[in-house]
């Protein structure tokens, strides 16, 4: 078993995950080892008017802005979401 497969197997489902989710593609500069990857499709749901809750490369759900998603430390800028499936 590869290390990534072993890591993925240890991640529980998010506690607050709704029954219905959407698929979003991140378009922008990839950031962090377990952050967001350019061109990758993520499972997500709307948290509020400004944020999506996205299951990112870490396998955990985090808040990302609906407009201009980027690394929280400012090391990347100008990302965007494409809705793949609502």
N, C-alpha and C. Protein backbone atom coordinates (compact mmCIF):
# COMPACT_ATOMS: atom_id res chain seq x y z
N UNK A 1 0.85 -1.18 0.00
CA UNK A 1 0.00 0.00 0.00
C UNK A 1 0.89 1.24 0.00
N UNK A 2 0.57 2.20 -0.87
CA UNK A 2 1.34 3.43 -0.92
C UNK A 2 1.03 4.30 0.29
N UNK A 3 1.98 5.18 0.63
CA UNK A 3 1.79 6.07 1.79
C UNK A 3 0.53 6.91 1.66
N UNK A 4 0.26 7.45 0.44
CA UNK A 4 -0.92 8.29 0.25
C UNK A 4 -2.19 7.48 0.51
N UNK A 5 -2.26 6.23 0.00
CA UNK A 5 -3.42 5.38 0.23
C UNK A 5 -3.61 5.12 1.72
N UNK A 6 -2.54 4.90 2.43
CA UNK A 6 -2.60 4.65 3.87
C UNK A 6 -3.10 5.90 4.58
N UNK A 7 -2.62 7.07 4.14
CA UNK A 7 -3.06 8.34 4.74
C UNK A 7 -4.55 8.55 4.49
N UNK A 8 -5.00 8.34 3.24
CA UNK A 8 -6.40 8.55 2.89
C UNK A 8 -7.32 7.63 3.70
N UNK A 9 -6.89 6.43 3.97
CA UNK A 9 -7.72 5.47 4.71
C UNK A 9 -7.95 5.91 6.15
N UNK A 10 -7.07 6.75 6.69
CA UNK A 10 -7.17 7.20 8.08
C UNK A 10 -8.04 8.43 8.26
N UNK A 11 -8.54 9.03 7.18
CA UNK A 11 -9.29 10.27 7.28
C UNK A 11 -10.78 9.94 7.40
N UNK A 12 -11.40 10.36 8.49
CA UNK A 12 -12.84 10.11 8.66
C UNK A 12 -13.67 11.08 7.81
N UNK A 13 -14.92 10.73 7.55
CA UNK A 13 -15.84 11.64 6.87
C UNK A 13 -16.03 12.88 7.73
N UNK A 14 -16.15 14.06 7.12
CA UNK A 14 -16.42 15.27 7.90
C UNK A 14 -17.73 15.12 8.70
N UNK A 15 -17.73 15.57 9.92
CA UNK A 15 -18.88 15.45 10.79
C UNK A 15 -20.07 16.26 10.28
N UNK A 16 -19.80 17.43 9.73
CA UNK A 16 -20.87 18.34 9.33
C UNK A 16 -21.22 18.25 7.84
N UNK A 17 -20.79 17.19 7.17
CA UNK A 17 -21.02 17.06 5.73
C UNK A 17 -22.52 16.85 5.46
N UNK A 18 -23.10 17.71 4.60
CA UNK A 18 -24.52 17.54 4.29
C UNK A 18 -24.75 16.35 3.36
N UNK A 19 -26.00 15.96 3.25
CA UNK A 19 -26.33 14.83 2.38
C UNK A 19 -26.06 15.16 0.92
N UNK A 20 -26.36 16.41 0.52
CA UNK A 20 -26.13 16.84 -0.86
C UNK A 20 -24.90 17.75 -0.92
N UNK A 21 -23.95 17.40 -1.78
CA UNK A 21 -22.76 18.22 -1.98
C UNK A 21 -22.64 18.55 -3.46
N UNK A 22 -21.68 19.39 -3.79
CA UNK A 22 -21.42 19.77 -5.18
C UNK A 22 -19.99 19.43 -5.54
N UNK A 23 -19.66 19.49 -6.80
CA UNK A 23 -18.30 19.28 -7.29
C UNK A 23 -17.79 20.60 -7.86
N UNK A 24 -16.62 21.02 -7.39
CA UNK A 24 -15.98 22.25 -7.85
C UNK A 24 -14.58 21.93 -8.37
N UNK A 25 -14.20 22.57 -9.47
CA UNK A 25 -12.83 22.47 -9.98
C UNK A 25 -12.09 23.73 -9.56
N UNK A 26 -10.92 23.55 -8.95
CA UNK A 26 -10.08 24.69 -8.60
C UNK A 26 -9.19 25.03 -9.78
N UNK A 27 -9.19 26.30 -10.17
CA UNK A 27 -8.33 26.78 -11.25
C UNK A 27 -7.48 27.89 -10.66
N UNK A 28 -6.19 27.64 -10.58
CA UNK A 28 -5.26 28.62 -10.01
C UNK A 28 -3.98 27.90 -9.63
N UNK A 29 -3.09 28.64 -9.06
CA UNK A 29 -1.80 28.07 -8.66
C UNK A 29 -2.01 27.10 -7.49
N UNK A 30 -1.50 25.87 -7.65
CA UNK A 30 -1.58 24.88 -6.57
C UNK A 30 -0.84 25.41 -5.36
N UNK A 31 -1.32 25.04 -4.16
CA UNK A 31 -0.61 25.47 -2.95
C UNK A 31 -0.69 24.41 -1.87
N UNK A 32 0.35 24.40 -1.08
CA UNK A 32 0.50 23.46 0.04
C UNK A 32 0.45 22.01 -0.45
N UNK A 33 1.12 21.14 0.26
CA UNK A 33 1.11 19.72 -0.07
C UNK A 33 -0.30 19.16 0.01
N UNK A 34 -1.06 19.58 1.01
CA UNK A 34 -2.43 19.09 1.19
C UNK A 34 -3.44 20.23 1.13
N UNK A 35 -3.25 21.16 0.19
CA UNK A 35 -4.17 22.28 0.02
C UNK A 35 -5.06 22.06 -1.19
N UNK A 36 -4.92 22.91 -2.20
CA UNK A 36 -5.69 22.80 -3.44
C UNK A 36 -4.73 22.64 -4.61
N UNK A 37 -5.14 21.83 -5.59
CA UNK A 37 -4.33 21.53 -6.77
C UNK A 37 -5.03 22.06 -8.01
N UNK A 38 -4.30 22.79 -8.84
CA UNK A 38 -4.85 23.33 -10.07
C UNK A 38 -5.48 22.23 -10.91
N UNK A 39 -6.73 22.46 -11.33
CA UNK A 39 -7.43 21.53 -12.20
C UNK A 39 -8.13 20.37 -11.51
N UNK A 40 -7.92 20.22 -10.22
CA UNK A 40 -8.51 19.10 -9.49
C UNK A 40 -9.95 19.42 -9.10
N UNK A 41 -10.80 18.39 -9.11
CA UNK A 41 -12.21 18.54 -8.73
C UNK A 41 -12.37 18.12 -7.28
N UNK A 42 -13.08 18.97 -6.53
CA UNK A 42 -13.27 18.75 -5.10
C UNK A 42 -14.74 18.65 -4.74
N UNK A 43 -15.03 17.88 -3.72
CA UNK A 43 -16.37 17.82 -3.16
C UNK A 43 -16.51 19.00 -2.20
N UNK A 44 -17.66 19.68 -2.28
CA UNK A 44 -17.84 20.90 -1.47
C UNK A 44 -19.32 21.15 -1.20
N UNK A 45 -19.57 22.09 -0.31
CA UNK A 45 -20.93 22.58 -0.07
C UNK A 45 -20.83 24.03 0.36
N UNK A 46 -21.95 24.75 0.17
CA UNK A 46 -21.97 26.16 0.55
C UNK A 46 -22.05 26.29 2.06
N UNK A 47 -21.15 27.07 2.61
CA UNK A 47 -21.17 27.34 4.04
C UNK A 47 -22.04 28.56 4.33
N UNK A 48 -21.85 29.61 3.52
CA UNK A 48 -22.65 30.83 3.62
C UNK A 48 -22.48 31.60 2.32
N UNK A 49 -22.83 32.86 2.30
CA UNK A 49 -22.77 33.64 1.06
C UNK A 49 -21.35 33.84 0.54
N UNK A 50 -20.36 33.75 1.40
CA UNK A 50 -18.98 34.06 1.01
C UNK A 50 -18.04 32.86 0.90
N UNK A 51 -18.42 31.72 1.47
CA UNK A 51 -17.48 30.59 1.56
C UNK A 51 -18.10 29.26 1.13
N UNK A 52 -17.22 28.42 0.53
CA UNK A 52 -17.51 27.01 0.34
C UNK A 52 -16.75 26.24 1.40
N UNK A 53 -17.30 25.16 1.86
CA UNK A 53 -16.56 24.22 2.70
C UNK A 53 -16.12 23.12 1.74
N UNK A 54 -14.81 22.96 1.59
CA UNK A 54 -14.22 22.09 0.57
C UNK A 54 -13.41 20.98 1.22
N UNK A 55 -13.60 19.76 0.76
CA UNK A 55 -12.74 18.67 1.19
C UNK A 55 -11.51 18.75 0.29
N UNK A 56 -10.44 19.33 0.84
CA UNK A 56 -9.25 19.60 0.03
C UNK A 56 -8.32 18.39 -0.01
N UNK A 57 -7.08 18.61 -0.45
CA UNK A 57 -6.14 17.50 -0.61
C UNK A 57 -5.76 16.83 0.71
N UNK A 58 -6.07 17.47 1.82
CA UNK A 58 -5.79 16.86 3.12
C UNK A 58 -6.83 15.80 3.45
N UNK A 59 -7.96 15.84 2.72
CA UNK A 59 -9.06 14.93 3.01
C UNK A 59 -10.00 15.46 4.08
N UNK A 60 -9.69 16.63 4.61
CA UNK A 60 -10.53 17.27 5.62
C UNK A 60 -11.23 18.47 4.98
N UNK A 61 -12.31 18.92 5.61
CA UNK A 61 -13.05 20.04 5.05
C UNK A 61 -12.58 21.35 5.67
N UNK A 62 -12.35 22.33 4.78
CA UNK A 62 -11.90 23.66 5.20
C UNK A 62 -12.70 24.71 4.44
N UNK A 63 -12.78 25.90 5.01
CA UNK A 63 -13.45 27.01 4.34
C UNK A 63 -12.51 27.66 3.33
N UNK A 64 -13.03 27.87 2.12
CA UNK A 64 -12.31 28.60 1.09
C UNK A 64 -13.27 29.64 0.51
N UNK A 65 -12.77 30.85 0.22
CA UNK A 65 -13.64 31.89 -0.33
C UNK A 65 -14.25 31.45 -1.66
N UNK A 66 -15.48 31.86 -1.89
CA UNK A 66 -16.13 31.59 -3.18
C UNK A 66 -15.45 32.39 -4.29
N UNK A 67 -15.01 33.59 -3.96
CA UNK A 67 -14.34 34.45 -4.93
C UNK A 67 -12.86 34.50 -4.57
N UNK A 68 -12.02 34.22 -5.56
CA UNK A 68 -10.57 34.27 -5.39
C UNK A 68 -10.02 33.34 -4.30
N UNK A 69 -10.29 32.03 -4.39
CA UNK A 69 -9.69 31.11 -3.41
C UNK A 69 -8.18 31.09 -3.59
N UNK A 70 -7.46 31.09 -2.48
CA UNK A 70 -6.01 31.14 -2.53
C UNK A 70 -5.44 30.65 -1.19
N UNK A 71 -4.13 30.53 -1.13
CA UNK A 71 -3.47 30.10 0.11
C UNK A 71 -3.69 31.16 1.19
N UNK A 72 -4.08 30.74 2.39
CA UNK A 72 -4.32 31.69 3.48
C UNK A 72 -3.12 32.57 3.82
N UNK A 73 -1.90 32.07 3.57
CA UNK A 73 -0.72 32.86 3.91
C UNK A 73 -0.36 33.88 2.83
N UNK A 74 -1.16 33.95 1.75
CA UNK A 74 -0.91 34.93 0.70
C UNK A 74 0.15 34.52 -0.30
N UNK A 75 0.65 33.28 -0.21
CA UNK A 75 1.70 32.84 -1.12
C UNK A 75 1.17 32.58 -2.53
N UNK A 76 -0.15 32.46 -2.70
CA UNK A 76 -0.77 32.37 -4.02
C UNK A 76 -1.94 33.34 -4.06
N UNK A 77 -2.31 33.74 -5.26
CA UNK A 77 -3.44 34.66 -5.43
C UNK A 77 -4.22 34.29 -6.68
N UNK A 78 -5.39 34.87 -6.80
CA UNK A 78 -6.19 34.83 -8.02
C UNK A 78 -6.62 33.44 -8.48
N UNK A 79 -7.11 32.62 -7.58
CA UNK A 79 -7.73 31.36 -7.97
C UNK A 79 -9.20 31.59 -8.27
N UNK A 80 -9.84 30.56 -8.82
CA UNK A 80 -11.28 30.63 -9.06
C UNK A 80 -11.86 29.22 -9.03
N UNK A 81 -13.17 29.15 -8.85
CA UNK A 81 -13.89 27.87 -8.86
C UNK A 81 -14.69 27.76 -10.13
N UNK A 82 -14.77 26.56 -10.68
CA UNK A 82 -15.70 26.24 -11.75
C UNK A 82 -16.65 25.18 -11.19
N UNK A 83 -17.94 25.42 -11.29
CA UNK A 83 -18.91 24.43 -10.80
C UNK A 83 -19.00 23.32 -11.82
N UNK A 84 -18.70 22.11 -11.41
CA UNK A 84 -18.75 20.94 -12.27
C UNK A 84 -20.10 20.24 -12.14
N UNK A 85 -20.59 20.19 -10.91
CA UNK A 85 -21.87 19.54 -10.64
C UNK A 85 -22.52 20.18 -9.43
N UNK A 86 -23.77 20.56 -9.56
CA UNK A 86 -24.48 21.17 -8.42
C UNK A 86 -25.34 20.16 -7.73
